[in-house]
Amino acid sequence: ESFRTGSVTKKYWALCCEKPEKPGGHLENWL
């Protein structure tokens, strides 16, 4: 129920080949 309702805060680290154009932000996409 906690995962379903989004009350769990999950943070991931990604090691990427490119540096993001902006240092931070919010992404919303339809997948």
PDB file of all heavy atoms in Angstrom:
ATOM      1  N   GLU A   1       0.824  -1.203   0.000  1.00  0.00           N
ATOM      2  CA  GLU A   1       0.000   0.000   0.000  1.00  0.00           C
ATOM      3  C   GLU A   1       0.863   1.261   0.000  1.00  0.00           C
ATOM      4  O   GLU A   1       0.558   2.237  -0.698  1.00  0.00           O
ATOM      5  CB  GLU A   1      -0.921  -0.006   1.226  1.00  0.00           C
ATOM      6  CG  GLU A   1      -1.858   1.198   1.341  1.00  0.00           C
ATOM      7  CD  GLU A   1      -2.889   1.268   0.229  1.00  0.00           C
ATOM      8  OE1 GLU A   1      -3.040   0.286  -0.525  1.00  0.00           O
ATOM      9  OE2 GLU A   1      -3.541   2.320   0.103  1.00  0.00           O
ATOM     10  N   SER A   2       1.962   1.233   0.743  1.00  0.00           N
ATOM     11  CA  SER A   2       2.861   2.391   0.781  1.00  0.00           C
ATOM     12  C   SER A   2       3.484   2.661  -0.581  1.00  0.00           C
ATOM     13  O   SER A   2       3.560   3.807  -1.038  1.00  0.00           O
ATOM     14  CB  SER A   2       3.960   2.167   1.824  1.00  0.00           C
ATOM     15  OG  SER A   2       3.428   2.116   3.131  1.00  0.00           O
ATOM     16  N   PHE A   3       3.931   1.604  -1.251  1.00  0.00           N
ATOM     17  CA  PHE A   3       4.502   1.783  -2.588  1.00  0.00           C
ATOM     18  C   PHE A   3       3.421   2.222  -3.580  1.00  0.00           C
ATOM     19  O   PHE A   3       3.673   3.055  -4.450  1.00  0.00           O
ATOM     20  CB  PHE A   3       5.166   0.482  -3.061  1.00  0.00           C
ATOM     21  CG  PHE A   3       6.552   0.277  -2.513  1.00  0.00           C
ATOM     22  CD1 PHE A   3       6.777  -0.581  -1.448  1.00  0.00           C
ATOM     23  CD2 PHE A   3       7.637   0.934  -3.070  1.00  0.00           C
ATOM     24  CE1 PHE A   3       8.056  -0.780  -0.941  1.00  0.00           C
ATOM     25  CE2 PHE A   3       8.922   0.750  -2.578  1.00  0.00           C
ATOM     26  CZ  PHE A   3       9.132  -0.107  -1.505  1.00  0.00           C
ATOM     27  N   ARG A   4       2.221   1.673  -3.448  1.00  0.00           N
ATOM     28  CA  ARG A   4       1.134   1.999  -4.378  1.00  0.00           C
ATOM     29  C   ARG A   4       0.730   3.469  -4.269  1.00  0.00           C
ATOM     30  O   ARG A   4       0.457   4.131  -5.273  1.00  0.00           O
ATOM     31  CB  ARG A   4      -0.071   1.102  -4.108  1.00  0.00           C
ATOM     32  CG  ARG A   4      -1.191   1.244  -5.137  1.00  0.00           C
ATOM     33  CD  ARG A   4      -2.444   0.497  -4.722  1.00  0.00           C
ATOM     34  NE  ARG A   4      -3.077   1.101  -3.554  1.00  0.00           N
ATOM     35  CZ  ARG A   4      -3.850   2.177  -3.608  1.00  0.00           C
ATOM     36  NH1 ARG A   4      -4.088   2.784  -4.766  1.00  0.00           N
ATOM     37  NH2 ARG A   4      -4.392   2.677  -2.507  1.00  0.00           N
ATOM     38  N   THR A   5       0.694   3.985  -3.050  1.00  0.00           N
ATOM     39  CA  THR A   5       0.243   5.359  -2.834  1.00  0.00           C
ATOM     40  C   THR A   5       1.368   6.381  -2.985  1.00  0.00           C
ATOM     41  O   THR A   5       1.130   7.590  -2.911  1.00  0.00           O
ATOM     42  CB  THR A   5      -0.376   5.512  -1.435  1.00  0.00           C
ATOM     43  OG1 THR A   5       0.600   5.149  -0.440  1.00  0.00           O
ATOM     44  CG2 THR A   5      -1.597   4.624  -1.281  1.00  0.00           C
ATOM     45  N   GLY A   6       2.597   5.914  -3.177  1.00  0.00           N
ATOM     46  CA  GLY A   6       3.714   6.834  -3.372  1.00  0.00           C
ATOM     47  C   GLY A   6       4.253   7.448  -2.099  1.00  0.00           C
ATOM     48  O   GLY A   6       4.945   8.469  -2.147  1.00  0.00           O
ATOM     49  N   SER A   7       3.969   6.835  -0.957  1.00  0.00           N
ATOM     50  CA  SER A   7       4.456   7.390   0.310  1.00  0.00           C
ATOM     51  C   SER A   7       5.873   6.931   0.634  1.00  0.00           C
ATOM     52  O   SER A   7       6.434   7.321   1.665  1.00  0.00           O
ATOM     53  CB  SER A   7       3.507   7.017   1.456  1.00  0.00           C
ATOM     54  OG  SER A   7       3.385   5.616   1.590  1.00  0.00           O
ATOM     55  N   VAL A   8       6.456   6.109  -0.229  1.00  0.00           N
ATOM     56  CA  VAL A   8       7.851   5.697  -0.085  1.00  0.00           C
ATOM     57  C   VAL A   8       8.709   6.594  -0.964  1.00  0.00           C
ATOM     58  O   VAL A   8       8.424   6.774  -2.154  1.00  0.00           O
ATOM     59  CB  VAL A   8       8.040   4.224  -0.502  1.00  0.00           C
ATOM     60  CG1 VAL A   8       9.497   3.817  -0.391  1.00  0.00           C
ATOM     61  CG2 VAL A   8       7.170   3.303   0.340  1.00  0.00           C
ATOM     62  N   THR A   9       9.765   7.177  -0.393  1.00  0.00           N
ATOM     63  CA  THR A   9      10.688   8.007  -1.164  1.00  0.00           C
ATOM     64  C   THR A   9      11.833   7.132  -1.665  1.00  0.00           C
ATOM     65  O   THR A   9      12.556   6.533  -0.874  1.00  0.00           O
ATOM     66  CB  THR A   9      11.248   9.159  -0.315  1.00  0.00           C
ATOM     67  OG1 THR A   9      10.165   9.971   0.141  1.00  0.00           O
ATOM     68  CG2 THR A   9      12.202  10.022  -1.135  1.00  0.00           C
ATOM     69  N   LYS A  10      11.983   7.061  -2.986  1.00  0.00           N
ATOM     70  CA  LYS A  10      13.013   6.201  -3.602  1.00  0.00           C
ATOM     71  C   LYS A  10      13.975   7.069  -4.412  1.00  0.00           C
ATOM     72  O   LYS A  10      13.548   7.807  -5.298  1.00  0.00           O
ATOM     73  CB  LYS A  10      12.351   5.171  -4.527  1.00  0.00           C
ATOM     74  CG  LYS A  10      11.430   4.194  -3.820  1.00  0.00           C
ATOM     75  CD  LYS A  10      10.652   3.333  -4.806  1.00  0.00           C
ATOM     76  CE  LYS A  10       9.571   4.139  -5.495  1.00  0.00           C
ATOM     77  NZ  LYS A  10       8.743   3.313  -6.404  1.00  0.00           N
ATOM     78  N   LYS A  11      15.247   6.976  -4.086  1.00  0.00           N
ATOM     79  CA  LYS A  11      16.257   7.712  -4.831  1.00  0.00           C
ATOM     80  C   LYS A  11      17.271   6.742  -5.438  1.00  0.00           C
ATOM     81  O   LYS A  11      17.724   5.811  -4.772  1.00  0.00           O
ATOM     82  CB  LYS A  11      16.959   8.735  -3.941  1.00  0.00           C
ATOM     83  CG  LYS A  11      16.020   9.867  -3.514  1.00  0.00           C
ATOM     84  CD  LYS A  11      16.751  10.981  -2.806  1.00  0.00           C
ATOM     85  CE  LYS A  11      15.788  12.118  -2.448  1.00  0.00           C
ATOM     86  NZ  LYS A  11      16.474  13.235  -1.774  1.00  0.00           N
ATOM     87  N   TYR A  12      17.574   6.991  -6.700  1.00  0.00           N
ATOM     88  CA  TYR A  12      18.507   6.163  -7.452  1.00  0.00           C
ATOM     89  C   TYR A  12      19.707   7.004  -7.870  1.00  0.00           C
ATOM     90  O   TYR A  12      19.588   8.216  -8.070  1.00  0.00           O
ATOM     91  CB  TYR A  12      17.844   5.620  -8.714  1.00  0.00           C
ATOM     92  CG  TYR A  12      16.771   4.583  -8.481  1.00  0.00           C
ATOM     93  CD1 TYR A  12      15.534   4.942  -7.943  1.00  0.00           C
ATOM     94  CD2 TYR A  12      16.970   3.249  -8.820  1.00  0.00           C
ATOM     95  CE1 TYR A  12      14.539   3.992  -7.739  1.00  0.00           C
ATOM     96  CE2 TYR A  12      15.974   2.291  -8.626  1.00  0.00           C
ATOM     97  CZ  TYR A  12      14.770   2.672  -8.085  1.00  0.00           C
ATOM     98  OH  TYR A  12      13.779   1.744  -7.878  1.00  0.00           O
ATOM     99  N   TRP A  13      20.849   6.350  -8.038  1.00  0.00           N
ATOM    100  CA  TRP A  13      22.013   7.003  -8.624  1.00  0.00           C
ATOM    101  C   TRP A  13      22.268   6.376  -9.977  1.00  0.00           C
ATOM    102  O   TRP A  13      22.299   5.147 -10.112  1.00  0.00           O
ATOM    103  CB  TRP A  13      23.237   6.856  -7.722  1.00  0.00           C
ATOM    104  CG  TRP A  13      23.250   7.830  -6.578  1.00  0.00           C
ATOM    105  CD1 TRP A  13      22.213   8.596  -6.128  1.00  0.00           C
ATOM    106  CD2 TRP A  13      24.360   8.140  -5.734  1.00  0.00           C
ATOM    107  NE1 TRP A  13      22.601   9.366  -5.061  1.00  0.00           N
ATOM    108  CE2 TRP A  13      23.917   9.104  -4.793  1.00  0.00           C
ATOM    109  CE3 TRP A  13      25.669   7.699  -5.680  1.00  0.00           C
ATOM    110  CZ2 TRP A  13      24.759   9.637  -3.808  1.00  0.00           C
ATOM    111  CZ3 TRP A  13      26.512   8.221  -4.698  1.00  0.00           C
ATOM    112  CH2 TRP A  13      26.053   9.186  -3.775  1.00  0.00           C
ATOM    113  N   ALA A  14      22.450   7.229 -10.972  1.00  0.00           N
ATOM    114  CA  ALA A  14      22.734   6.770 -12.332  1.00  0.00           C
ATOM    115  C   ALA A  14      24.062   7.370 -12.789  1.00  0.00           C
ATOM    116  O   ALA A  14      24.261   8.589 -12.702  1.00  0.00           O
ATOM    117  CB  ALA A  14      21.610   7.203 -13.273  1.00  0.00           C
ATOM    118  N   LEU A  15      24.953   6.514 -13.244  1.00  0.00           N
ATOM    119  CA  LEU A  15      26.224   6.958 -13.797  1.00  0.00           C
ATOM    120  C   LEU A  15      26.050   7.035 -15.307  1.00  0.00           C
ATOM    121  O   LEU A  15      25.835   6.018 -15.967  1.00  0.00           O
ATOM    122  CB  LEU A  15      27.333   5.979 -13.416  1.00  0.00           C
ATOM    123  CG  LEU A  15      28.776   6.430 -13.629  1.00  0.00           C
ATOM    124  CD1 LEU A  15      29.070   7.721 -12.868  1.00  0.00           C
ATOM    125  CD2 LEU A  15      29.741   5.332 -13.211  1.00  0.00           C
ATOM    126  N   CYS A  16      26.096   8.251 -15.833  1.00  0.00           N
ATOM    127  CA  CYS A  16      25.719   8.477 -17.231  1.00  0.00           C
ATOM    128  C   CYS A  16      26.916   8.867 -18.096  1.00  0.00           C
ATOM    129  O   CYS A  16      27.924   9.380 -17.607  1.00  0.00           O
ATOM    130  CB  CYS A  16      24.655   9.566 -17.316  1.00  0.00           C
ATOM    131  SG  CYS A  16      23.088   9.093 -16.523  1.00  0.00           S
ATOM    132  N   CYS A  17      26.766   8.628 -19.392  1.00  0.00           N
ATOM    133  CA  CYS A  17      27.828   8.932 -20.343  1.00  0.00           C
ATOM    134  C   CYS A  17      27.892  10.420 -20.672  1.00  0.00           C
ATOM    135  O   CYS A  17      28.907  10.897 -21.175  1.00  0.00           O
ATOM    136  CB  CYS A  17      27.608   8.131 -21.630  1.00  0.00           C
ATOM    137  SG  CYS A  17      27.542   6.340 -21.386  1.00  0.00           S
ATOM    138  N   GLU A  18      26.802  11.141 -20.423  1.00  0.00           N
ATOM    139  CA  GLU A  18      26.745  12.568 -20.729  1.00  0.00           C
ATOM    140  C   GLU A  18      26.272  13.352 -19.506  1.00  0.00           C
ATOM    141  O   GLU A  18      25.500  12.849 -18.694  1.00  0.00           O
ATOM    142  CB  GLU A  18      25.782  12.841 -21.895  1.00  0.00           C
ATOM    143  CG  GLU A  18      26.115  12.092 -23.177  1.00  0.00           C
ATOM    144  CD  GLU A  18      25.465  10.707 -23.239  1.00  0.00           C
ATOM    145  OE1 GLU A  18      24.677  10.368 -22.328  1.00  0.00           O
ATOM    146  OE2 GLU A  18      25.769   9.962 -24.189  1.00  0.00           O
ATOM    147  N   LYS A  19      26.728  14.589 -19.418  1.00  0.00           N
ATOM    148  CA  LYS A  19      26.285  15.474 -18.347  1.00  0.00           C
ATOM    149  C   LYS A  19      24.971  16.124 -18.753  1.00  0.00           C
ATOM    150  O   LYS A  19      24.809  16.533 -19.911  1.00  0.00           O
ATOM    151  CB  LYS A  19      27.347  16.551 -18.095  1.00  0.00           C
ATOM    152  CG  LYS A  19      27.082  17.442 -16.900  1.00  0.00           C
ATOM    153  CD  LYS A  19      28.252  18.404 -16.687  1.00  0.00           C
ATOM    154  CE  LYS A  19      28.018  19.305 -15.490  1.00  0.00           C
ATOM    155  NZ  LYS A  19      29.167  20.228 -15.268  1.00  0.00           N
ATOM    156  N   PRO A  20      23.992  16.221 -17.835  1.00  0.00           N
ATOM    157  CA  PRO A  20      22.720  16.844 -18.226  1.00  0.00           C
ATOM    158  C   PRO A  20      22.897  18.319 -18.557  1.00  0.00           C
ATOM    159  O   PRO A  20      23.730  19.010 -17.979  1.00  0.00           O
ATOM    160  CB  PRO A  20      21.841  16.650 -16.984  1.00  0.00           C
ATOM    161  CG  PRO A  20      22.798  16.468 -15.850  1.00  0.00           C
ATOM    162  CD  PRO A  20      23.996  15.777 -16.434  1.00  0.00           C
ATOM    163  N   GLU A  21      22.106  18.799 -19.500  1.00  0.00           N
ATOM    164  CA  GLU A  21      22.189  20.194 -19.914  1.00  0.00           C
ATOM    165  C   GLU A  21      21.844  21.126 -18.763  1.00  0.00           C
ATOM    166  O   GLU A  21      22.477  22.159 -18.566  1.00  0.00           O
ATOM    167  CB  GLU A  21      21.225  20.421 -21.087  1.00  0.00           C
ATOM    168  CG  GLU A  21      21.364  21.768 -21.743  1.00  0.00           C
ATOM    169  CD  GLU A  21      20.497  21.880 -22.986  1.00  0.00           C
ATOM    170  OE1 GLU A  21      20.505  20.948 -23.804  1.00  0.00           O
ATOM    171  OE2 GLU A  21      19.806  22.906 -23.113  1.00  0.00           O
ATOM    172  N   LYS A  22      20.832  20.742 -17.976  1.00  0.00           N
ATOM    173  CA  LYS A  22      20.457  21.492 -16.781  1.00  0.00           C
ATOM    174  C   LYS A  22      20.888  20.700 -15.553  1.00  0.00           C
ATOM    175  O   LYS A  22      20.780  19.470 -15.534  1.00  0.00           O
ATOM    176  CB  LYS A  22      18.946  21.726 -16.752  1.00  0.00           C
ATOM    177  CG  LYS A  22      18.432  22.574 -17.905  1.00  0.00           C
ATOM    178  CD  LYS A  22      16.926  22.751 -17.828  1.00  0.00           C
ATOM    179  CE  LYS A  22      16.407  23.594 -18.984  1.00  0.00           C
ATOM    180  NZ  LYS A  22      14.929  23.748 -18.919  1.00  0.00           N
ATOM    181  N   PRO A  23      21.356  21.364 -14.490  1.00  0.00           N
ATOM    182  CA  PRO A  23      21.857  20.641 -13.321  1.00  0.00           C
ATOM    183  C   PRO A  23      20.785  19.895 -12.540  1.00  0.00           C
ATOM    184  O   PRO A  23      21.104  19.058 -11.691  1.00  0.00           O
ATOM    185  CB  PRO A  23      22.493  21.737 -12.467  1.00  0.00           C
ATOM    186  CG  PRO A  23      21.811  22.997 -12.890  1.00  0.00           C
ATOM    187  CD  PRO A  23      21.513  22.826 -14.346  1.00  0.00           C
ATOM    188  N   GLY A  24      19.552  20.196 -12.783  1.00  0.00           N
ATOM    189  CA  GLY A  24      18.468  19.510 -12.088  1.00  0.00           C
ATOM    190  C   GLY A  24      17.140  19.879 -12.715  1.00  0.00           C
ATOM    191  O   GLY A  24      17.040  20.819 -13.510  1.00  0.00           O
ATOM    192  N   GLY A  25      16.129  19.087 -12.365  1.00  0.00           N
ATOM    193  CA  GLY A  25      14.823  19.409 -12.920  1.00  0.00           C
ATOM    194  C   GLY A  25      13.804  18.318 -12.676  1.00  0.00           C
ATOM    195  O   GLY A  25      14.068  17.321 -11.988  1.00  0.00           O
ATOM    196  N   HIS A  26      12.635  18.540 -13.253  1.00  0.00           N
ATOM    197  CA  HIS A  26      11.520  17.611 -13.139  1.00  0.00           C
ATOM    198  C   HIS A  26      11.156  17.128 -14.535  1.00  0.00           C
ATOM    199  O   HIS A  26      11.014  17.944 -15.454  1.00  0.00           O
ATOM    200  CB  HIS A  26      10.316  18.308 -12.493  1.00  0.00           C
ATOM    201  CG  HIS A  26       9.077  17.470 -12.428  1.00  0.00           C
ATOM    202  ND1 HIS A  26       8.905  16.468 -11.499  1.00  0.00           N
ATOM    203  CD2 HIS A  26       7.945  17.485 -13.190  1.00  0.00           C
ATOM    204  CE1 HIS A  26       7.713  15.903 -11.686  1.00  0.00           C
ATOM    205  NE2 HIS A  26       7.118  16.498 -12.699  1.00  0.00           N
ATOM    206  N   LEU A  27      11.030  15.813 -14.703  1.00  0.00           N
ATOM    207  CA  LEU A  27      10.677  15.255 -16.002  1.00  0.00           C
ATOM    208  C   LEU A  27       9.315  14.584 -15.932  1.00  0.00           C
ATOM    209  O   LEU A  27       9.034  13.818 -15.004  1.00  0.00           O
ATOM    210  CB  LEU A  27      11.718  14.218 -16.450  1.00  0.00           C
ATOM    211  CG  LEU A  27      13.168  14.684 -16.617  1.00  0.00           C
ATOM    212  CD1 LEU A  27      14.036  13.517 -17.073  1.00  0.00           C
ATOM    213  CD2 LEU A  27      13.258  15.850 -17.595  1.00  0.00           C
ATOM    214  N   GLU A  28       8.481  14.893 -16.912  1.00  0.00           N
ATOM    215  CA  GLU A  28       7.205  14.212 -17.081  1.00  0.00           C
ATOM    216  C   GLU A  28       7.093  13.775 -18.536  1.00  0.00           C
ATOM    217  O   GLU A  28       7.214  14.594 -19.444  1.00  0.00           O
ATOM    218  CB  GLU A  28       6.020  15.110 -16.721  1.00  0.00           C
ATOM    219  CG  GLU A  28       5.918  15.414 -15.235  1.00  0.00           C
ATOM    220  CD  GLU A  28       4.565  16.026 -14.850  1.00  0.00           C
ATOM    221  OE1 GLU A  28       3.636  15.983 -15.692  1.00  0.00           O
ATOM    222  OE2 GLU A  28       4.460  16.535 -13.723  1.00  0.00           O
ATOM    223  N   ASN A  29       6.924  12.477 -18.738  1.00  0.00           N
ATOM    224  CA  ASN A  29       6.788  11.931 -20.084  1.00  0.00           C
ATOM    225  C   ASN A  29       5.725  10.846 -20.088  1.00  0.00           C
ATOM    226  O   ASN A  29       5.498  10.179 -19.071  1.00  0.00           O
ATOM    227  CB  ASN A  29       8.108  11.310 -20.569  1.00  0.00           C
ATOM    228  CG  ASN A  29       9.263  12.289 -20.600  1.00  0.00           C
ATOM    229  OD1 ASN A  29      10.115  12.259 -19.724  1.00  0.00           O
ATOM    230  ND2 ASN A  29       9.306  13.153 -21.598  1.00  0.00           N
ATOM    231  N   TRP A  30       5.110  10.665 -21.245  1.00  0.00           N
ATOM    232  CA  TRP A  30       4.198   9.532 -21.431  1.00  0.00           C
ATOM    233  C   TRP A  30       5.014   8.390 -22.018  1.00  0.00           C
ATOM    234  O   TRP A  30       5.697   8.557 -23.033  1.00  0.00           O
ATOM    235  CB  TRP A  30       3.043   9.927 -22.343  1.00  0.00           C
ATOM    236  CG  TRP A  30       2.107  10.882 -21.654  1.00  0.00           C
ATOM    237  CD1 TRP A  30       2.200  12.239 -21.604  1.00  0.00           C
ATOM    238  CD2 TRP A  30       0.964  10.533 -20.883  1.00  0.00           C
ATOM    239  NE1 TRP A  30       1.189  12.770 -20.855  1.00  0.00           N
ATOM    240  CE2 TRP A  30       0.399  11.750 -20.396  1.00  0.00           C
ATOM    241  CE3 TRP A  30       0.336   9.324 -20.545  1.00  0.00           C
ATOM    242  CZ2 TRP A  30      -0.746  11.782 -19.594  1.00  0.00           C
ATOM    243  CZ3 TRP A  30      -0.800   9.351 -19.751  1.00  0.00           C
ATOM    244  CH2 TRP A  30      -1.330  10.565 -19.276  1.00  0.00           C
ATOM    245  N   LEU A  31       4.964   7.233 -21.370  1.00  0.00           N
ATOM    246  CA  LEU A  31       5.752   6.075 -21.794  1.00  0.00           C
ATOM    247  C   LEU A  31       4.854   4.964 -22.308  1.00  0.00           C
ATOM    248  O   LEU A  31       3.814   4.656 -21.715  1.00  0.00           O
ATOM    249  CB  LEU A  31       6.601   5.536 -20.631  1.00  0.00           C
ATOM    250  CG  LEU A  31       7.595   6.495 -19.968  1.00  0.00           C
ATOM    251  CD1 LEU A  31       8.454   5.741 -18.969  1.00  0.00           C
ATOM    252  CD2 LEU A  31       8.460   7.205 -21.002  1.00  0.00           C
TER     253      LEU A  31
END
